[in-house]
């Protein structure tokens, strides 16, 4: 699809961390964009719809030549993906569906209740992948490692306690959300490609190091206490299931991300 074509690109989750960046990049490339949101927003580019209930989804997908599926949550991803592909199939335009997933979706066991409670997000993403792949629509799925933004959110939450309990042996390979957005836009403008190579950040870090560097950047002092998490899913994480060292193609490091936060806060202070 080129910027001169009239059919819009629908972005689900277009007001979220990744979706906002995807929308901005698509617009900058000259594409017409339609943003799906559960809440009303000012502007002609927004359409109200709820993937959990199906309300408004038929209208949202109508006429779309490409759908970039950025909507995600801690649960319900499979059902939401099914709602989306059902509506897209009914529309009759056979849009190219570009889906974001997570590295490790196919490697994190969901064997027991504890595994699903702690790591059910991975199982939900894998189920959504299958819905997309079996939809009969042209499709592309990209798996990415955890965004810097998510690691920041986790570290911020952990640091609220006087003693930080850190799962021992956990390692992550955070990637910049802007780089993921760049890749999603590239895939949306290309031919349907199925499951494409992972996108991972440049460096693998022990979780304790990520938290420690966050505390240092914030000028906080907290003792870190290692805690071993039980279960097959946690063991898979310790064994590197959420890593993709062969696909360390992201460029912005966690340290650069933290430095950017500090710099933006400093520039916002009154002189």
C-alpha atoms as a PDB file:
ATOM      1  CA  UNK A   1       0.000   0.000   0.000  1.00  0.00           C
ATOM      2  CA  UNK A   2       1.324   3.465  -0.906  1.00  0.00           C
ATOM      3  CA  UNK A   3       0.414   6.859   0.597  1.00  0.00           C
ATOM      4  CA  UNK A   4      -1.630   7.646  -2.484  1.00  0.00           C
ATOM      5  CA  UNK A   5      -4.052   4.811  -1.909  1.00  0.00           C
ATOM      6  CA  UNK A   6      -7.327   5.764  -0.306  1.00  0.00           C
ATOM      7  CA  UNK A   7      -8.099   2.768   1.916  1.00  0.00           C
ATOM      8  CA  UNK A   8      -7.175   3.565   5.511  1.00  0.00           C
ATOM      9  CA  UNK A   9      -4.906   1.596   7.799  1.00  0.00           C
ATOM     10  CA  UNK A  10      -6.718   0.581  10.979  1.00  0.00           C
ATOM     11  CA  UNK A  11      -4.590   0.555  14.139  1.00  0.00           C
ATOM     12  CA  UNK A  12      -6.038  -1.237  17.149  1.00  0.00           C
ATOM     13  CA  UNK A  13      -4.697  -0.098  20.487  1.00  0.00           C
ATOM     14  CA  UNK A  14      -3.749   3.104  18.722  1.00  0.00           C
ATOM     15  CA  UNK A  15      -3.658   5.146  21.932  1.00  0.00           C
ATOM     16  CA  UNK A  16      -1.337   2.742  23.776  1.00  0.00           C
ATOM     17  CA  UNK A  17       2.437   2.708  24.191  1.00  0.00           C
ATOM     18  CA  UNK A  18       3.159   1.021  20.861  1.00  0.00           C
ATOM     19  CA  UNK A  19       0.022   2.013  18.997  1.00  0.00           C
ATOM     20  CA  UNK A  20       0.572   5.764  19.387  1.00  0.00           C
ATOM     21  CA  UNK A  21       4.038   5.452  17.904  1.00  0.00           C
ATOM     22  CA  UNK A  22       2.770   3.329  15.022  1.00  0.00           C
ATOM     23  CA  UNK A  23       0.020   5.854  14.273  1.00  0.00           C
ATOM     24  CA  UNK A  24       2.494   8.765  14.258  1.00  0.00           C
ATOM     25  CA  UNK A  25       4.845   6.947  11.890  1.00  0.00           C
ATOM     26  CA  UNK A  26       2.086   5.904   9.510  1.00  0.00           C
ATOM     27  CA  UNK A  27       0.803   9.456   9.339  1.00  0.00           C
ATOM     28  CA  UNK A  28       4.322  10.776   8.757  1.00  0.00           C
ATOM     29  CA  UNK A  29       4.613   8.346   5.832  1.00  0.00           C
ATOM     30  CA  UNK A  30       1.470   9.825   4.307  1.00  0.00           C
ATOM     31  CA  UNK A  31      -0.987   7.049   5.089  1.00  0.00           C
ATOM     32  CA  UNK A  32      -4.574   7.567   6.062  1.00  0.00           C
ATOM     33  CA  UNK A  33      -4.992   6.117   9.546  1.00  0.00           C
ATOM     34  CA  UNK A  34      -8.037   5.032  11.490  1.00  0.00           C
ATOM     35  CA  UNK A  35      -7.475   4.596  15.230  1.00  0.00           C
ATOM     36  CA  UNK A  36      -9.604   2.122  17.175  1.00  0.00           C
ATOM     37  CA  UNK A  37     -10.250   3.140  20.763  1.00  0.00           C
ATOM     38  CA  UNK A  38     -12.733   2.076  23.412  1.00  0.00           C
ATOM     39  CA  UNK A  39     -13.277   5.727  24.296  1.00  0.00           C
ATOM     40  CA  UNK A  40     -14.275   8.674  22.137  1.00  0.00           C
ATOM     41  CA  UNK A  41     -11.539  11.101  21.102  1.00  0.00           C
ATOM     42  CA  UNK A  42     -11.631  14.388  19.241  1.00  0.00           C
ATOM     43  CA  UNK A  43     -10.709  14.159  15.590  1.00  0.00           C
ATOM     44  CA  UNK A  44     -11.976  12.361  12.492  1.00  0.00           C
ATOM     45  CA  UNK A  45      -9.349   9.600  12.619  1.00  0.00           C
ATOM     46  CA  UNK A  46     -10.758   7.911  15.732  1.00  0.00           C
ATOM     47  CA  UNK A  47     -13.417   5.220  15.755  1.00  0.00           C
ATOM     48  CA  UNK A  48     -14.985   3.844  18.917  1.00  0.00           C
ATOM     49  CA  UNK A  49     -15.042   0.076  19.266  1.00  0.00           C
ATOM     50  CA  UNK A  50     -14.477  -2.610  21.863  1.00  0.00           C
ATOM     51  CA  UNK A  51     -12.712  -5.843  20.923  1.00  0.00           C
ATOM     52  CA  UNK A  52     -13.875  -7.431  24.170  1.00  0.00           C
ATOM     53  CA  UNK A  53     -17.555  -7.067  23.277  1.00  0.00           C
ATOM     54  CA  UNK A  54     -17.405  -6.646  19.495  1.00  0.00           C
ATOM     55  CA  UNK A  55     -19.262  -3.334  19.638  1.00  0.00           C
ATOM     56  CA  UNK A  56     -18.245  -1.063  16.754  1.00  0.00           C
ATOM     57  CA  UNK A  57     -15.667  -3.446  15.277  1.00  0.00           C
ATOM     58  CA  UNK A  58     -17.498  -4.072  11.987  1.00  0.00           C
ATOM     59  CA  UNK A  59     -17.575  -0.333  11.335  1.00  0.00           C
ATOM     60  CA  UNK A  60     -13.936   0.018  12.354  1.00  0.00           C
ATOM     61  CA  UNK A  61     -12.629  -2.568   9.887  1.00  0.00           C
ATOM     62  CA  UNK A  62     -14.891  -1.527   6.999  1.00  0.00           C
ATOM     63  CA  UNK A  63     -12.767  -0.551   4.003  1.00  0.00           C
ATOM     64  CA  UNK A  64      -9.437  -1.034   5.759  1.00  0.00           C
ATOM     65  CA  UNK A  65      -6.728  -2.451   3.504  1.00  0.00           C
ATOM     66  CA  UNK A  66      -4.331  -3.063   6.384  1.00  0.00           C
ATOM     67  CA  UNK A  67      -4.938  -3.673  10.079  1.00  0.00           C
ATOM     68  CA  UNK A  68      -2.091  -3.184  12.556  1.00  0.00           C
ATOM     69  CA  UNK A  69      -3.130  -5.029  15.707  1.00  0.00           C
ATOM     70  CA  UNK A  70      -1.394  -3.360  18.659  1.00  0.00           C
ATOM     71  CA  UNK A  71      -4.157  -3.851  21.224  1.00  0.00           C
ATOM     72  CA  UNK A  72      -3.093  -6.085  24.076  1.00  0.00           C
ATOM     73  CA  UNK A  73      -3.910  -6.774  27.699  1.00  0.00           C
ATOM     74  CA  UNK A  74      -3.084  -9.125  30.536  1.00  0.00           C
ATOM     75  CA  UNK A  75      -5.959 -11.388  29.520  1.00  0.00           C
ATOM     76  CA  UNK A  76      -8.484 -11.906  26.755  1.00  0.00           C
ATOM     77  CA  UNK A  77      -6.083 -11.498  23.838  1.00  0.00           C
ATOM     78  CA  UNK A  78      -7.283 -14.653  22.104  1.00  0.00           C
ATOM     79  CA  UNK A  79     -10.937 -13.622  22.197  1.00  0.00           C
ATOM     80  CA  UNK A  80     -10.115 -10.098  21.071  1.00  0.00           C
ATOM     81  CA  UNK A  81      -8.067 -11.383  18.149  1.00  0.00           C
ATOM     82  CA  UNK A  82     -10.952 -13.655  17.175  1.00  0.00           C
ATOM     83  CA  UNK A  83     -13.383 -10.731  17.281  1.00  0.00           C
ATOM     84  CA  UNK A  84     -11.085  -8.731  15.044  1.00  0.00           C
ATOM     85  CA  UNK A  85     -10.453 -11.424  12.427  1.00  0.00           C
ATOM     86  CA  UNK A  86     -14.141 -12.363  12.330  1.00  0.00           C
ATOM     87  CA  UNK A  87     -15.099  -8.785  11.587  1.00  0.00           C
ATOM     88  CA  UNK A  88     -12.272  -8.415   9.061  1.00  0.00           C
ATOM     89  CA  UNK A  89     -13.355 -11.604   7.292  1.00  0.00           C
ATOM     90  CA  UNK A  90     -16.932 -10.358   7.094  1.00  0.00           C
ATOM     91  CA  UNK A  91     -15.778  -7.071   5.595  1.00  0.00           C
ATOM     92  CA  UNK A  92     -14.811  -8.803   2.366  1.00  0.00           C
ATOM     93  CA  UNK A  93     -11.686  -6.726   1.717  1.00  0.00           C
ATOM     94  CA  UNK A  94      -9.190  -9.344   3.033  1.00  0.00           C
ATOM     95  CA  UNK A  95      -6.995  -6.807   4.813  1.00  0.00           C
ATOM     96  CA  UNK A  96      -3.372  -7.579   5.633  1.00  0.00           C
ATOM     97  CA  UNK A  97      -3.348  -8.184   9.405  1.00  0.00           C
ATOM     98  CA  UNK A  98      -0.078  -7.194  11.106  1.00  0.00           C
ATOM     99  CA  UNK A  99       0.098  -8.533  14.641  1.00  0.00           C
ATOM    100  CA  UNK A 100       2.455  -7.824  17.558  1.00  0.00           C
ATOM    101  CA  UNK A 101       3.368 -10.675  19.875  1.00  0.00           C
ATOM    102  CA  UNK A 102       6.076 -11.429  22.430  1.00  0.00           C
ATOM    103  CA  UNK A 103       9.295 -13.411  22.310  1.00  0.00           C
ATOM    104  CA  UNK A 104       8.787 -16.591  24.303  1.00  0.00           C
ATOM    105  CA  UNK A 105       5.093 -16.917  23.519  1.00  0.00           C
ATOM    106  CA  UNK A 106       5.754 -20.453  22.300  1.00  0.00           C
ATOM    107  CA  UNK A 107       8.299 -21.343  25.006  1.00  0.00           C
ATOM    108  CA  UNK A 108       6.630 -20.440  28.308  1.00  0.00           C
ATOM    109  CA  UNK A 109       4.680 -23.420  29.730  1.00  0.00           C
ATOM    110  CA  UNK A 110       1.133 -22.902  30.926  1.00  0.00           C
ATOM    111  CA  UNK A 111       1.069 -26.180  32.823  1.00  0.00           C
ATOM    112  CA  UNK A 112      -0.616 -25.184  36.049  1.00  0.00           C
ATOM    113  CA  UNK A 113      -2.707 -22.518  37.712  1.00  0.00           C
ATOM    114  CA  UNK A 114       0.342 -20.760  39.155  1.00  0.00           C
ATOM    115  CA  UNK A 115       2.082 -20.654  35.771  1.00  0.00           C
ATOM    116  CA  UNK A 116      -1.008 -19.187  34.144  1.00  0.00           C
ATOM    117  CA  UNK A 117      -1.481 -16.652  36.933  1.00  0.00           C
ATOM    118  CA  UNK A 118       2.115 -15.435  36.737  1.00  0.00           C
ATOM    119  CA  UNK A 119       2.866 -15.872  33.044  1.00  0.00           C
ATOM    120  CA  UNK A 120      -0.535 -16.195  31.357  1.00  0.00           C
ATOM    121  CA  UNK A 121       0.248 -13.232  29.118  1.00  0.00           C
ATOM    122  CA  UNK A 122       2.554 -15.439  27.051  1.00  0.00           C
ATOM    123  CA  UNK A 123      -0.088 -18.110  26.613  1.00  0.00           C
ATOM    124  CA  UNK A 124      -2.654 -15.494  25.622  1.00  0.00           C
ATOM    125  CA  UNK A 125      -0.300 -14.053  23.027  1.00  0.00           C
ATOM    126  CA  UNK A 126       0.386 -17.483  21.553  1.00  0.00           C
ATOM    127  CA  UNK A 127      -3.341 -18.188  21.338  1.00  0.00           C
ATOM    128  CA  UNK A 128      -3.873 -14.842  19.587  1.00  0.00           C
ATOM    129  CA  UNK A 129      -1.067 -15.689  17.158  1.00  0.00           C
ATOM    130  CA  UNK A 130      -2.861 -18.889  16.231  1.00  0.00           C
ATOM    131  CA  UNK A 131      -6.145 -17.076  15.682  1.00  0.00           C
ATOM    132  CA  UNK A 132      -4.401 -14.690  13.277  1.00  0.00           C
ATOM    133  CA  UNK A 133      -2.529 -17.465  11.474  1.00  0.00           C
ATOM    134  CA  UNK A 134      -5.671 -19.565  11.035  1.00  0.00           C
ATOM    135  CA  UNK A 135      -7.921 -16.658  10.051  1.00  0.00           C
ATOM    136  CA  UNK A 136      -7.615 -17.129   6.304  1.00  0.00           C
ATOM    137  CA  UNK A 137      -6.515 -13.485   6.029  1.00  0.00           C
ATOM    138  CA  UNK A 138      -3.116 -12.354   4.788  1.00  0.00           C
ATOM    139  CA  UNK A 139      -1.030 -11.949   7.955  1.00  0.00           C
ATOM    140  CA  UNK A 140       2.274 -11.022   9.514  1.00  0.00           C
ATOM    141  CA  UNK A 141       3.275 -11.513  13.156  1.00  0.00           C
ATOM    142  CA  UNK A 142       6.268  -9.929  14.861  1.00  0.00           C
ATOM    143  CA  UNK A 143       7.485 -11.137  18.244  1.00  0.00           C
ATOM    144  CA  UNK A 144       9.379  -8.546  20.292  1.00  0.00           C
ATOM    145  CA  UNK A 145      11.059  -8.678  23.666  1.00  0.00           C
ATOM    146  CA  UNK A 146       9.824  -6.548  26.570  1.00  0.00           C
ATOM    147  CA  UNK A 147       9.718  -2.811  25.924  1.00  0.00           C
ATOM    148  CA  UNK A 148      11.854  -0.448  27.995  1.00  0.00           C
ATOM    149  CA  UNK A 149       8.575   1.155  29.063  1.00  0.00           C
ATOM    150  CA  UNK A 150       7.329  -2.115  30.559  1.00  0.00           C
ATOM    151  CA  UNK A 151      10.583  -2.762  32.404  1.00  0.00           C
ATOM    152  CA  UNK A 152      10.355   0.771  33.797  1.00  0.00           C
ATOM    153  CA  UNK A 153       6.804   0.147  34.986  1.00  0.00           C
ATOM    154  CA  UNK A 154       7.844  -3.098  36.683  1.00  0.00           C
ATOM    155  CA  UNK A 155      10.898  -1.530  38.306  1.00  0.00           C
ATOM    156  CA  UNK A 156       8.859   1.451  39.508  1.00  0.00           C
ATOM    157  CA  UNK A 157       6.312  -0.845  41.119  1.00  0.00           C
ATOM    158  CA  UNK A 158       8.965  -2.993  42.764  1.00  0.00           C
ATOM    159  CA  UNK A 159      10.768   0.062  44.134  1.00  0.00           C
ATOM    160  CA  UNK A 160       7.705   1.218  46.069  1.00  0.00           C
ATOM    161  CA  UNK A 161       8.528  -1.336  48.757  1.00  0.00           C
ATOM    162  CA  UNK A 162      11.297  -0.690  51.309  1.00  0.00           C
ATOM    163  CA  UNK A 163      12.867  -4.012  50.321  1.00  0.00           C
ATOM    164  CA  UNK A 164      12.833  -5.028  46.652  1.00  0.00           C
ATOM    165  CA  UNK A 165      12.149  -8.721  46.074  1.00  0.00           C
ATOM    166  CA  UNK A 166      13.725  -9.700  42.759  1.00  0.00           C
ATOM    167  CA  UNK A 167      13.034 -13.059  41.063  1.00  0.00           C
ATOM    168  CA  UNK A 168      16.407 -14.774  40.953  1.00  0.00           C
ATOM    169  CA  UNK A 169      17.827 -15.898  37.639  1.00  0.00           C
ATOM    170  CA  UNK A 170      15.411 -13.859  35.545  1.00  0.00           C
ATOM    171  CA  UNK A 171      16.997 -12.143  32.541  1.00  0.00           C
ATOM    172  CA  UNK A 172      15.455  -9.805  30.000  1.00  0.00           C
ATOM    173  CA  UNK A 173      16.473  -8.199  26.714  1.00  0.00           C
ATOM    174  CA  UNK A 174      14.479  -4.949  26.617  1.00  0.00           C
ATOM    175  CA  UNK A 175      13.862  -3.198  23.325  1.00  0.00           C
ATOM    176  CA  UNK A 176      12.865   0.346  22.455  1.00  0.00           C
ATOM    177  CA  UNK A 177       9.176   0.717  21.642  1.00  0.00           C
ATOM    178  CA  UNK A 178       9.988   3.225  18.911  1.00  0.00           C
ATOM    179  CA  UNK A 179      12.137   0.669  17.138  1.00  0.00           C
ATOM    180  CA  UNK A 180       9.322  -1.863  17.361  1.00  0.00           C
ATOM    181  CA  UNK A 181       6.952   0.735  15.910  1.00  0.00           C
ATOM    182  CA  UNK A 182       9.365   1.334  13.024  1.00  0.00           C
ATOM    183  CA  UNK A 183       9.404  -2.384  12.259  1.00  0.00           C
ATOM    184  CA  UNK A 184       5.616  -2.713  12.497  1.00  0.00           C
ATOM    185  CA  UNK A 185       5.186   0.122   9.992  1.00  0.00           C
ATOM    186  CA  UNK A 186       7.744  -1.482   7.691  1.00  0.00           C
ATOM    187  CA  UNK A 187       5.866  -4.779   7.858  1.00  0.00           C
ATOM    188  CA  UNK A 188       2.510  -3.062   7.292  1.00  0.00           C
ATOM    189  CA  UNK A 189       3.837  -1.488   4.108  1.00  0.00           C
ATOM    190  CA  UNK A 190       5.201  -4.795   2.853  1.00  0.00           C
ATOM    191  CA  UNK A 191       3.728  -8.082   1.717  1.00  0.00           C
ATOM    192  CA  UNK A 192       2.187 -10.519   4.218  1.00  0.00           C
ATOM    193  CA  UNK A 193       5.079 -12.576   5.587  1.00  0.00           C
ATOM    194  CA  UNK A 194       3.723 -14.898   8.284  1.00  0.00           C
ATOM    195  CA  UNK A 195       5.877 -15.194  11.397  1.00  0.00           C
ATOM    196  CA  UNK A 196       8.886 -12.926  10.860  1.00  0.00           C
ATOM    197  CA  UNK A 197      12.202 -12.934  12.766  1.00  0.00           C
ATOM    198  CA  UNK A 198      12.124 -11.640  16.339  1.00  0.00           C
ATOM    199  CA  UNK A 199      13.018  -8.104  17.331  1.00  0.00           C
ATOM    200  CA  UNK A 200      15.071  -7.952  20.522  1.00  0.00           C
ATOM    201  CA  UNK A 201      17.064  -5.306  22.337  1.00  0.00           C
ATOM    202  CA  UNK A 202      20.857  -5.057  22.109  1.00  0.00           C
ATOM    203  CA  UNK A 203      21.707  -6.412  25.575  1.00  0.00           C
ATOM    204  CA  UNK A 204      20.621  -9.178  27.934  1.00  0.00           C
ATOM    205  CA  UNK A 205      20.389  -8.058  31.583  1.00  0.00           C
ATOM    206  CA  UNK A 206      19.701  -9.854  34.835  1.00  0.00           C
ATOM    207  CA  UNK A 207      16.479  -8.400  36.228  1.00  0.00           C
ATOM    208  CA  UNK A 208      18.376  -7.349  39.354  1.00  0.00           C
ATOM    209  CA  UNK A 209      20.677  -5.172  37.233  1.00  0.00           C
ATOM    210  CA  UNK A 210      17.737  -3.510  35.507  1.00  0.00           C
ATOM    211  CA  UNK A 211      16.130  -2.670  38.836  1.00  0.00           C
ATOM    212  CA  UNK A 212      19.418  -1.534  40.354  1.00  0.00           C
ATOM    213  CA  UNK A 213      20.175   0.829  37.488  1.00  0.00           C
ATOM    214  CA  UNK A 214      16.672   2.254  37.714  1.00  0.00           C
ATOM    215  CA  UNK A 215      17.146   2.924  41.438  1.00  0.00           C
ATOM    216  CA  UNK A 216      20.474   4.627  40.762  1.00  0.00           C
ATOM    217  CA  UNK A 217      18.934   6.813  38.056  1.00  0.00           C
ATOM    218  CA  UNK A 218      16.191   7.855  40.484  1.00  0.00           C
ATOM    219  CA  UNK A 219      18.604   8.432  43.347  1.00  0.00           C
ATOM    220  CA  UNK A 220      16.879   5.793  45.474  1.00  0.00           C
ATOM    221  CA  UNK A 221      18.435   3.301  47.838  1.00  0.00           C
ATOM    222  CA  UNK A 222      16.731  -0.044  48.374  1.00  0.00           C
ATOM    223  CA  UNK A 223      18.105  -3.442  49.362  1.00  0.00           C
ATOM    224  CA  UNK A 224      17.527  -6.096  46.699  1.00  0.00           C
ATOM    225  CA  UNK A 225      16.632  -9.564  47.938  1.00  0.00           C
ATOM    226  CA  UNK A 226      16.632 -12.492  45.470  1.00  0.00           C
ATOM    227  CA  UNK A 227      13.527 -14.705  45.514  1.00  0.00           C
ATOM    228  CA  UNK A 228      13.226 -17.972  43.633  1.00  0.00           C
ATOM    229  CA  UNK A 229       9.919 -18.256  41.766  1.00  0.00           C
ATOM    230  CA  UNK A 230       8.553 -21.816  41.514  1.00  0.00           C
ATOM    231  CA  UNK A 231       6.937 -23.481  38.515  1.00  0.00           C
ATOM    232  CA  UNK A 232       7.779 -24.622  35.002  1.00  0.00           C
ATOM    233  CA  UNK A 233       7.174 -21.196  33.468  1.00  0.00           C
ATOM    234  CA  UNK A 234       9.603 -19.481  35.844  1.00  0.00           C
ATOM    235  CA  UNK A 235      12.194 -22.151  35.114  1.00  0.00           C
ATOM    236  CA  UNK A 236      11.757 -21.465  31.390  1.00  0.00           C
ATOM    237  CA  UNK A 237      12.367 -17.759  32.005  1.00  0.00           C
ATOM    238  CA  UNK A 238      15.533 -18.578  33.961  1.00  0.00           C
ATOM    239  CA  UNK A 239      16.647 -20.738  31.035  1.00  0.00           C
ATOM    240  CA  UNK A 240      16.246 -17.826  28.612  1.00  0.00           C
ATOM    241  CA  UNK A 241      12.858 -18.488  27.032  1.00  0.00           C
ATOM    242  CA  UNK A 242      12.063 -14.762  26.775  1.00  0.00           C
ATOM    243  CA  UNK A 243      15.392 -13.910  25.161  1.00  0.00           C
ATOM    244  CA  UNK A 244      16.391 -13.795  21.511  1.00  0.00           C
ATOM    245  CA  UNK A 245      20.176 -13.251  21.535  1.00  0.00           C
ATOM    246  CA  UNK A 246      20.492 -14.081  17.840  1.00  0.00           C
ATOM    247  CA  UNK A 247      18.070 -11.252  17.070  1.00  0.00           C
ATOM    248  CA  UNK A 248      19.655  -8.479  19.152  1.00  0.00           C
ATOM    249  CA  UNK A 249      18.980  -5.991  16.365  1.00  0.00           C
ATOM    250  CA  UNK A 250      17.545  -3.200  18.519  1.00  0.00           C
ATOM    251  CA  UNK A 251      19.938  -0.293  18.986  1.00  0.00           C
ATOM    252  CA  UNK A 252      18.738   1.764  21.953  1.00  0.00           C
ATOM    253  CA  UNK A 253      19.966   0.366  25.235  1.00  0.00           C
ATOM    254  CA  UNK A 254      18.307   0.392  28.643  1.00  0.00           C
ATOM    255  CA  UNK A 255      20.964   2.851  29.842  1.00  0.00           C
ATOM    256  CA  UNK A 256      20.144   5.231  26.999  1.00  0.00           C
ATOM    257  CA  UNK A 257      16.446   4.914  27.783  1.00  0.00           C
ATOM    258  CA  UNK A 258      17.036   5.822  31.439  1.00  0.00           C
ATOM    259  CA  UNK A 259      19.298   8.704  30.445  1.00  0.00           C
ATOM    260  CA  UNK A 260      16.563  10.007  28.167  1.00  0.00           C
ATOM    261  CA  UNK A 261      14.074   9.972  31.034  1.00  0.00           C
ATOM    262  CA  UNK A 262      16.457  11.881  33.284  1.00  0.00           C
ATOM    263  CA  UNK A 263      17.195  14.406  30.561  1.00  0.00           C
ATOM    264  CA  UNK A 264      13.526  15.031  29.771  1.00  0.00           C
ATOM    265  CA  UNK A 265      12.736  15.553  33.442  1.00  0.00           C
ATOM    266  CA  UNK A 266      15.609  17.995  33.841  1.00  0.00           C
ATOM    267  CA  UNK A 267      14.538  20.011  30.798  1.00  0.00           C
ATOM    268  CA  UNK A 268      11.015  20.252  32.194  1.00  0.00           C
ATOM    269  CA  UNK A 269      12.218  21.939  35.394  1.00  0.00           C
ATOM    270  CA  UNK A 270      11.794  25.757  35.529  1.00  0.00           C
ATOM    271  CA  UNK A 271      15.048  27.645  34.959  1.00  0.00           C
END
